[in-house]
Amino acid sequence: MVMPADYRSAVRTYIECNFILGNDVSLGDTDSLLDLQLIDSTGFLELVGFLEERFGIKVADDEMLPDNLESLANIERFLQRKLG
């Protein structure tokens, strides 16, 4: 199981390996994945699938909001609430 301090690192690695793919993008913790155009609607669903599988959670439709999933910092807070 991933420890809380590792949530952001695990998600960052996933995004870098699956969405940045050699682009010269420096992803800050509070940068919007949507504004940087790293993730489109399909990518967003892939990210949700990763979070569900990796962390053993279910992301409900009403939780698929920018406040929860738009940046690494938002995702980390969301995971802490779900798993805390």
PDB file of N, CA and C in Angstrom:
ATOM      1  N   MET A   1       0.835  -1.194   0.000  1.00  0.00           N
ATOM      2  CA  MET A   1       0.000   0.000   0.000  1.00  0.00           C
ATOM      3  C   MET A   1       0.874   1.250   0.000  1.00  0.00           C
ATOM      4  N   VAL A   2       0.453   2.249  -0.708  1.00  0.00           N
ATOM      5  CA  VAL A   2       1.196   3.500  -0.787  1.00  0.00           C
ATOM      6  C   VAL A   2       0.949   4.301   0.480  1.00  0.00           C
ATOM      7  N   MET A   3       2.016   4.818   1.075  1.00  0.00           N
ATOM      8  CA  MET A   3       1.897   5.647   2.269  1.00  0.00           C
ATOM      9  C   MET A   3       1.512   7.064   1.864  1.00  0.00           C
ATOM     10  N   PRO A   4       0.853   7.814   2.754  1.00  0.00           N
ATOM     11  CA  PRO A   4       0.388   9.160   2.413  1.00  0.00           C
ATOM     12  C   PRO A   4       1.446  10.064   1.796  1.00  0.00           C
ATOM     13  N   ALA A   5       2.655  10.030   2.270  1.00  0.00           N
ATOM     14  CA  ALA A   5       3.697  10.907   1.738  1.00  0.00           C
ATOM     15  C   ALA A   5       4.037  10.566   0.292  1.00  0.00           C
ATOM     16  N   ASP A   6       3.653   9.375  -0.147  1.00  0.00           N
ATOM     17  CA  ASP A   6       4.002   8.927  -1.486  1.00  0.00           C
ATOM     18  C   ASP A   6       2.888   9.114  -2.512  1.00  0.00           C
ATOM     19  N   TYR A   7       1.721   9.602  -2.095  1.00  0.00           N
ATOM     20  CA  TYR A   7       0.617   9.784  -3.033  1.00  0.00           C
ATOM     21  C   TYR A   7       1.031  10.662  -4.210  1.00  0.00           C
ATOM     22  N   ARG A   8       1.537  11.843  -3.893  1.00  0.00           N
ATOM     23  CA  ARG A   8       1.880  12.814  -4.935  1.00  0.00           C
ATOM     24  C   ARG A   8       2.962  12.245  -5.852  1.00  0.00           C
ATOM     25  N   SER A   9       3.946  11.596  -5.276  1.00  0.00           N
ATOM     26  CA  SER A   9       5.041  11.024  -6.064  1.00  0.00           C
ATOM     27  C   SER A   9       4.534   9.941  -7.016  1.00  0.00           C
ATOM     28  N   ALA A  10       3.653   9.074  -6.526  1.00  0.00           N
ATOM     29  CA  ALA A  10       3.112   8.000  -7.363  1.00  0.00           C
ATOM     30  C   ALA A  10       2.295   8.565  -8.519  1.00  0.00           C
ATOM     31  N   VAL A  11       1.479   9.586  -8.237  1.00  0.00           N
ATOM     32  CA  VAL A  11       0.650  10.189  -9.280  1.00  0.00           C
ATOM     33  C   VAL A  11       1.520  10.957 -10.270  1.00  0.00           C
ATOM     34  N   ARG A  12       2.526  11.684  -9.767  1.00  0.00           N
ATOM     35  CA  ARG A  12       3.444  12.415 -10.654  1.00  0.00           C
ATOM     36  C   ARG A  12       4.132  11.454 -11.620  1.00  0.00           C
ATOM     37  N   THR A  13       4.619  10.337 -11.114  1.00  0.00           N
ATOM     38  CA  THR A  13       5.293   9.355 -11.960  1.00  0.00           C
ATOM     39  C   THR A  13       4.349   8.831 -13.029  1.00  0.00           C
ATOM     40  N   TYR A  14       3.119   8.523 -12.649  1.00  0.00           N
ATOM     41  CA  TYR A  14       2.136   8.042 -13.620  1.00  0.00           C
ATOM     42  C   TYR A  14       1.894   9.081 -14.717  1.00  0.00           C
ATOM     43  N   ILE A  15       1.686  10.320 -14.329  1.00  0.00           N
ATOM     44  CA  ILE A  15       1.415  11.385 -15.302  1.00  0.00           C
ATOM     45  C   ILE A  15       2.624  11.607 -16.207  1.00  0.00           C
ATOM     46  N   GLU A  16       3.801  11.644 -15.630  1.00  0.00           N
ATOM     47  CA  GLU A  16       5.008  11.851 -16.438  1.00  0.00           C
ATOM     48  C   GLU A  16       5.213  10.714 -17.436  1.00  0.00           C
ATOM     49  N   CYS A  17       4.946   9.488 -17.031  1.00  0.00           N
ATOM     50  CA  CYS A  17       5.158   8.332 -17.909  1.00  0.00           C
ATOM     51  C   CYS A  17       4.062   8.155 -18.959  1.00  0.00           C
ATOM     52  N   ASN A  18       2.859   8.641 -18.669  1.00  0.00           N
ATOM     53  CA  ASN A  18       1.731   8.386 -19.559  1.00  0.00           C
ATOM     54  C   ASN A  18       1.218   9.591 -20.330  1.00  0.00           C
ATOM     55  N   PHE A  19       1.517  10.802 -19.867  1.00  0.00           N
ATOM     56  CA  PHE A  19       0.955  11.978 -20.519  1.00  0.00           C
ATOM     57  C   PHE A  19       1.993  12.992 -20.994  1.00  0.00           C
ATOM     58  N   ILE A  20       3.084  13.139 -20.273  1.00  0.00           N
ATOM     59  CA  ILE A  20       4.086  14.125 -20.683  1.00  0.00           C
ATOM     60  C   ILE A  20       4.945  13.567 -21.815  1.00  0.00           C
ATOM     61  N   LEU A  21       5.375  12.334 -21.700  1.00  0.00           N
ATOM     62  CA  LEU A  21       6.042  11.593 -22.775  1.00  0.00           C
ATOM     63  C   LEU A  21       7.065  12.410 -23.556  1.00  0.00           C
ATOM     64  N   GLY A  22       8.068  12.897 -22.878  1.00  0.00           N
ATOM     65  CA  GLY A  22       9.151  13.574 -23.573  1.00  0.00           C
ATOM     66  C   GLY A  22       8.899  15.031 -23.891  1.00  0.00           C
ATOM     67  N   ASN A  23       7.674  15.522 -23.657  1.00  0.00           N
ATOM     68  CA  ASN A  23       7.428  16.949 -23.836  1.00  0.00           C
ATOM     69  C   ASN A  23       8.243  17.711 -22.807  1.00  0.00           C
ATOM     70  N   ASP A  24       8.672  18.870 -23.169  1.00  0.00           N
ATOM     71  CA  ASP A  24       9.482  19.672 -22.266  1.00  0.00           C
ATOM     72  C   ASP A  24       8.564  20.461 -21.336  1.00  0.00           C
ATOM     73  N   VAL A  25       7.877  19.741 -20.455  1.00  0.00           N
ATOM     74  CA  VAL A  25       6.932  20.357 -19.528  1.00  0.00           C
ATOM     75  C   VAL A  25       7.422  20.095 -18.111  1.00  0.00           C
ATOM     76  N   SER A  26       7.494  21.142 -17.346  1.00  0.00           N
ATOM     77  CA  SER A  26       7.827  21.016 -15.932  1.00  0.00           C
ATOM     78  C   SER A  26       6.525  21.126 -15.153  1.00  0.00           C
ATOM     79  N   LEU A  27       6.117  20.058 -14.531  1.00  0.00           N
ATOM     80  CA  LEU A  27       4.832  19.997 -13.850  1.00  0.00           C
ATOM     81  C   LEU A  27       4.998  20.355 -12.388  1.00  0.00           C
ATOM     82  N   GLY A  28       4.463  21.518 -12.020  1.00  0.00           N
ATOM     83  CA  GLY A  28       4.466  21.931 -10.622  1.00  0.00           C
ATOM     84  C   GLY A  28       3.307  21.295  -9.878  1.00  0.00           C
ATOM     85  N   ASP A  29       3.388  21.266  -8.580  1.00  0.00           N
ATOM     86  CA  ASP A  29       2.367  20.603  -7.765  1.00  0.00           C
ATOM     87  C   ASP A  29       0.985  21.223  -7.906  1.00  0.00           C
ATOM     88  N   THR A  30       0.919  22.521  -8.180  1.00  0.00           N
ATOM     89  CA  THR A  30      -0.382  23.187  -8.277  1.00  0.00           C
ATOM     90  C   THR A  30      -0.760  23.537  -9.717  1.00  0.00           C
ATOM     91  N   ASP A  31       0.049  23.125 -10.688  1.00  0.00           N
ATOM     92  CA  ASP A  31      -0.269  23.385 -12.097  1.00  0.00           C
ATOM     93  C   ASP A  31      -1.495  22.584 -12.523  1.00  0.00           C
ATOM     94  N   SER A  32      -2.345  23.217 -13.307  1.00  0.00           N
ATOM     95  CA  SER A  32      -3.544  22.559 -13.812  1.00  0.00           C
ATOM     96  C   SER A  32      -3.193  21.611 -14.957  1.00  0.00           C
ATOM     97  N   LEU A  33      -3.554  20.351 -14.793  1.00  0.00           N
ATOM     98  CA  LEU A  33      -3.316  19.362 -15.848  1.00  0.00           C
ATOM     99  C   LEU A  33      -4.120  19.717 -17.099  1.00  0.00           C
ATOM    100  N   LEU A  34      -5.279  20.343 -16.896  1.00  0.00           N
ATOM    101  CA  LEU A  34      -6.126  20.744 -18.017  1.00  0.00           C
ATOM    102  C   LEU A  34      -5.552  21.977 -18.721  1.00  0.00           C
ATOM    103  N   ASP A  35      -5.147  22.985 -17.949  1.00  0.00           N
ATOM    104  CA  ASP A  35      -4.598  24.208 -18.539  1.00  0.00           C
ATOM    105  C   ASP A  35      -3.312  23.934 -19.314  1.00  0.00           C
ATOM    106  N   LEU A  36      -2.505  23.001 -18.822  1.00  0.00           N
ATOM    107  CA  LEU A  36      -1.266  22.640 -19.524  1.00  0.00           C
ATOM    108  C   LEU A  36      -1.547  21.725 -20.712  1.00  0.00           C
ATOM    109  N   GLN A  37      -2.797  21.331 -20.873  1.00  0.00           N
ATOM    110  CA  GLN A  37      -3.248  20.441 -21.934  1.00  0.00           C
ATOM    111  C   GLN A  37      -2.501  19.105 -21.917  1.00  0.00           C
ATOM    112  N   LEU A  38      -2.217  18.638 -20.705  1.00  0.00           N
ATOM    113  CA  LEU A  38      -1.580  17.329 -20.554  1.00  0.00           C
ATOM    114  C   LEU A  38      -2.619  16.214 -20.613  1.00  0.00           C
ATOM    115  N   ILE A  39      -3.836  16.520 -20.157  1.00  0.00           N
ATOM    116  CA  ILE A  39      -4.876  15.511 -20.069  1.00  0.00           C
ATOM    117  C   ILE A  39      -6.139  16.029 -20.742  1.00  0.00           C
ATOM    118  N   ASP A  40      -6.679  15.201 -21.632  1.00  0.00           N
ATOM    119  CA  ASP A  40      -7.975  15.511 -22.238  1.00  0.00           C
ATOM    120  C   ASP A  40      -9.023  14.639 -21.552  1.00  0.00           C
ATOM    121  N   SER A  41     -10.220  14.586 -22.076  1.00  0.00           N
ATOM    122  CA  SER A  41     -11.286  13.828 -21.412  1.00  0.00           C
ATOM    123  C   SER A  41     -10.953  12.340 -21.302  1.00  0.00           C
ATOM    124  N   THR A  42     -10.343  11.782 -22.331  1.00  0.00           N
ATOM    125  CA  THR A  42      -9.947  10.369 -22.278  1.00  0.00           C
ATOM    126  C   THR A  42      -8.840  10.165 -21.255  1.00  0.00           C
ATOM    127  N   GLY A  43      -7.873  11.061 -21.257  1.00  0.00           N
ATOM    128  CA  GLY A  43      -6.789  10.989 -20.283  1.00  0.00           C
ATOM    129  C   GLY A  43      -7.291  11.124 -18.858  1.00  0.00           C
ATOM    130  N   PHE A  44      -8.290  11.965 -18.681  1.00  0.00           N
ATOM    131  CA  PHE A  44      -8.887  12.149 -17.365  1.00  0.00           C
ATOM    132  C   PHE A  44      -9.469  10.830 -16.863  1.00  0.00           C
ATOM    133  N   LEU A  45     -10.154  10.111 -17.737  1.00  0.00           N
ATOM    134  CA  LEU A  45     -10.713   8.812 -17.356  1.00  0.00           C
ATOM    135  C   LEU A  45      -9.615   7.796 -17.068  1.00  0.00           C
ATOM    136  N   GLU A  46      -8.528   7.874 -17.824  1.00  0.00           N
ATOM    137  CA  GLU A  46      -7.387   6.989 -17.566  1.00  0.00           C
ATOM    138  C   GLU A  46      -6.781   7.290 -16.198  1.00  0.00           C
ATOM    139  N   LEU A  47      -6.662   8.574 -15.865  1.00  0.00           N
ATOM    140  CA  LEU A  47      -6.132   8.970 -14.555  1.00  0.00           C
ATOM    141  C   LEU A  47      -7.025   8.448 -13.440  1.00  0.00           C
ATOM    142  N   VAL A  48      -8.329   8.580 -13.589  1.00  0.00           N
ATOM    143  CA  VAL A  48      -9.269   8.074 -12.589  1.00  0.00           C
ATOM    144  C   VAL A  48      -9.111   6.557 -12.448  1.00  0.00           C
ATOM    145  N   GLY A  49      -8.984   5.856 -13.566  1.00  0.00           N
ATOM    146  CA  GLY A  49      -8.772   4.414 -13.521  1.00  0.00           C
ATOM    147  C   GLY A  49      -7.497   4.050 -12.780  1.00  0.00           C
ATOM    148  N   PHE A  50      -6.429   4.805 -13.024  1.00  0.00           N
ATOM    149  CA  PHE A  50      -5.168   4.586 -12.311  1.00  0.00           C
ATOM    150  C   PHE A  50      -5.360   4.779 -10.812  1.00  0.00           C
ATOM    151  N   LEU A  51      -6.007   5.879 -10.423  1.00  0.00           N
ATOM    152  CA  LEU A  51      -6.210   6.151  -8.994  1.00  0.00           C
ATOM    153  C   LEU A  51      -7.011   5.042  -8.334  1.00  0.00           C
ATOM    154  N   GLU A  52      -8.050   4.574  -9.016  1.00  0.00           N
ATOM    155  CA  GLU A  52      -8.879   3.510  -8.455  1.00  0.00           C
ATOM    156  C   GLU A  52      -8.086   2.220  -8.290  1.00  0.00           C
ATOM    157  N   GLU A  53      -7.318   1.875  -9.297  1.00  0.00           N
ATOM    158  CA  GLU A  53      -6.553   0.627  -9.243  1.00  0.00           C
ATOM    159  C   GLU A  53      -5.381   0.725  -8.272  1.00  0.00           C
ATOM    160  N   ARG A  54      -4.628   1.783  -8.355  1.00  0.00           N
ATOM    161  CA  ARG A  54      -3.397   1.927  -7.559  1.00  0.00           C
ATOM    162  C   ARG A  54      -3.680   2.091  -6.081  1.00  0.00           C
ATOM    163  N   PHE A  55      -4.739   2.836  -5.761  1.00  0.00           N
ATOM    164  CA  PHE A  55      -5.010   3.165  -4.370  1.00  0.00           C
ATOM    165  C   PHE A  55      -6.216   2.420  -3.798  1.00  0.00           C
ATOM    166  N   GLY A  56      -6.859   1.584  -4.609  1.00  0.00           N
ATOM    167  CA  GLY A  56      -7.971   0.779  -4.119  1.00  0.00           C
ATOM    168  C   GLY A  56      -9.179   1.594  -3.697  1.00  0.00           C
ATOM    169  N   ILE A  57      -9.457   2.652  -4.450  1.00  0.00           N
ATOM    170  CA  ILE A  57     -10.594   3.509  -4.141  1.00  0.00           C
ATOM    171  C   ILE A  57     -11.594   3.477  -5.283  1.00  0.00           C
ATOM    172  N   LYS A  58     -12.757   4.031  -5.048  1.00  0.00           N
ATOM    173  CA  LYS A  58     -13.752   4.251  -6.091  1.00  0.00           C
ATOM    174  C   LYS A  58     -13.979   5.750  -6.169  1.00  0.00           C
ATOM    175  N   VAL A  59     -13.774   6.318  -7.357  1.00  0.00           N
ATOM    176  CA  VAL A  59     -14.024   7.733  -7.582  1.00  0.00           C
ATOM    177  C   VAL A  59     -15.430   7.855  -8.143  1.00  0.00           C
ATOM    178  N   ALA A  60     -16.328   8.411  -7.341  1.00  0.00           N
ATOM    179  CA  ALA A  60     -17.719   8.572  -7.749  1.00  0.00           C
ATOM    180  C   ALA A  60     -17.834   9.678  -8.792  1.00  0.00           C
ATOM    181  N   ASP A  61     -18.895   9.607  -9.577  1.00  0.00           N
ATOM    182  CA  ASP A  61     -19.121  10.627 -10.606  1.00  0.00           C
ATOM    183  C   ASP A  61     -19.105  12.033 -10.022  1.00  0.00           C
ATOM    184  N   ASP A  62     -19.711  12.218  -8.855  1.00  0.00           N
ATOM    185  CA  ASP A  62     -19.762  13.555  -8.265  1.00  0.00           C
ATOM    186  C   ASP A  62     -18.441  13.988  -7.635  1.00  0.00           C
ATOM    187  N   GLU A  63     -17.435  13.112  -7.639  1.00  0.00           N
ATOM    188  CA  GLU A  63     -16.097  13.458  -7.156  1.00  0.00           C
ATOM    189  C   GLU A  63     -15.149  13.826  -8.293  1.00  0.00           C
ATOM    190  N   MET A  64     -15.584  13.639  -9.526  1.00  0.00           N
ATOM    191  CA  MET A  64     -14.751  13.943 -10.690  1.00  0.00           C
ATOM    192  C   MET A  64     -14.827  15.432 -10.999  1.00  0.00           C
ATOM    193  N   LEU A  65     -14.204  16.205 -10.117  1.00  0.00           N
ATOM    194  CA  LEU A  65     -14.227  17.661 -10.192  1.00  0.00           C
ATOM    195  C   LEU A  65     -12.805  18.208 -10.185  1.00  0.00           C
ATOM    196  N   PRO A  66     -12.600  19.386 -10.767  1.00  0.00           N
ATOM    197  CA  PRO A  66     -11.267  20.004 -10.717  1.00  0.00           C
ATOM    198  C   PRO A  66     -10.743  20.152  -9.289  1.00  0.00           C
ATOM    199  N   ASP A  67     -11.631  20.451  -8.340  1.00  0.00           N
ATOM    200  CA  ASP A  67     -11.189  20.596  -6.950  1.00  0.00           C
ATOM    201  C   ASP A  67     -10.518  19.333  -6.426  1.00  0.00           C
ATOM    202  N   ASN A  68     -10.853  18.194  -6.999  1.00  0.00           N
ATOM    203  CA  ASN A  68     -10.265  16.923  -6.571  1.00  0.00           C
ATOM    204  C   ASN A  68      -9.135  16.445  -7.474  1.00  0.00           C
ATOM    205  N   LEU A  69      -9.202  16.760  -8.762  1.00  0.00           N
ATOM    206  CA  LEU A  69      -8.339  16.055  -9.712  1.00  0.00           C
ATOM    207  C   LEU A  69      -7.577  16.941 -10.697  1.00  0.00           C
ATOM    208  N   GLU A  70      -7.585  18.244 -10.526  1.00  0.00           N
ATOM    209  CA  GLU A  70      -6.982  19.108 -11.540  1.00  0.00           C
ATOM    210  C   GLU A  70      -5.463  19.234 -11.431  1.00  0.00           C
ATOM    211  N   SER A  71      -4.906  19.071 -10.238  1.00  0.00           N
ATOM    212  CA  SER A  71      -3.463  19.231 -10.047  1.00  0.00           C
ATOM    213  C   SER A  71      -2.955  18.130  -9.119  1.00  0.00           C
ATOM    214  N   LEU A  72      -1.652  18.002  -9.055  1.00  0.00           N
ATOM    215  CA  LEU A  72      -1.065  17.014  -8.145  1.00  0.00           C
ATOM    216  C   LEU A  72      -1.457  17.290  -6.704  1.00  0.00           C
ATOM    217  N   ALA A  73      -1.448  18.557  -6.310  1.00  0.00           N
ATOM    218  CA  ALA A  73      -1.810  18.925  -4.938  1.00  0.00           C
ATOM    219  C   ALA A  73      -3.276  18.574  -4.655  1.00  0.00           C
ATOM    220  N   ASN A  74      -4.165  18.848  -5.619  1.00  0.00           N
ATOM    221  CA  ASN A  74      -5.585  18.514  -5.450  1.00  0.00           C
ATOM    222  C   ASN A  74      -5.781  17.009  -5.339  1.00  0.00           C
ATOM    223  N   ILE A  75      -5.081  16.264  -6.190  1.00  0.00           N
ATOM    224  CA  ILE A  75      -5.198  14.801  -6.162  1.00  0.00           C
ATOM    225  C   ILE A  75      -4.695  14.260  -4.826  1.00  0.00           C
ATOM    226  N   GLU A  76      -3.596  14.798  -4.338  1.00  0.00           N
ATOM    227  CA  GLU A  76      -3.062  14.344  -3.057  1.00  0.00           C
ATOM    228  C   GLU A  76      -4.072  14.593  -1.927  1.00  0.00           C
ATOM    229  N   ARG A  77      -4.670  15.783  -1.874  1.00  0.00           N
ATOM    230  CA  ARG A  77      -5.671  16.077  -0.848  1.00  0.00           C
ATOM    231  C   ARG A  77      -6.880  15.142  -0.977  1.00  0.00           C
ATOM    232  N   PHE A  78      -7.300  14.899  -2.219  1.00  0.00           N
ATOM    233  CA  PHE A  78      -8.421  13.993  -2.474  1.00  0.00           C
ATOM    234  C   PHE A  78      -8.100  12.591  -1.953  1.00  0.00           C
ATOM    235  N   LEU A  79      -6.912  12.094  -2.258  1.00  0.00           N
ATOM    236  CA  LEU A  79      -6.515  10.762  -1.789  1.00  0.00           C
ATOM    237  C   LEU A  79      -6.440  10.711  -0.273  1.00  0.00           C
ATOM    238  N   GLN A  80      -5.938  11.764   0.332  1.00  0.00           N
ATOM    239  CA  GLN A  80      -5.865  11.791   1.795  1.00  0.00           C
ATOM    240  C   GLN A  80      -7.257  11.708   2.404  1.00  0.00           C
ATOM    241  N   ARG A  81      -8.231  12.418   1.815  1.00  0.00           N
ATOM    242  CA  ARG A  81      -9.604  12.353   2.315  1.00  0.00           C
ATOM    243  C   ARG A  81     -10.198  10.950   2.107  1.00  0.00           C
ATOM    244  N   LYS A  82      -9.963  10.382   0.929  1.00  0.00           N
ATOM    245  CA  LYS A  82     -10.542   9.060   0.617  1.00  0.00           C
ATOM    246  C   LYS A  82      -9.916   7.954   1.465  1.00  0.00           C
ATOM    247  N   LEU A  83      -8.622   8.067   1.703  1.00  0.00           N
ATOM    248  CA  LEU A  83      -7.897   6.986   2.368  1.00  0.00           C
ATOM    249  C   LEU A  83      -7.616   7.261   3.846  1.00  0.00           C
ATOM    250  N   GLY A  84      -7.844   8.511   4.258  1.00  0.00           N
ATOM    251  CA  GLY A  84      -7.504   8.921   5.626  1.00  0.00           C
ATOM    252  C   GLY A  84      -8.443   8.372   6.623  1.00  0.00           C
TER     253      GLY A  84
END
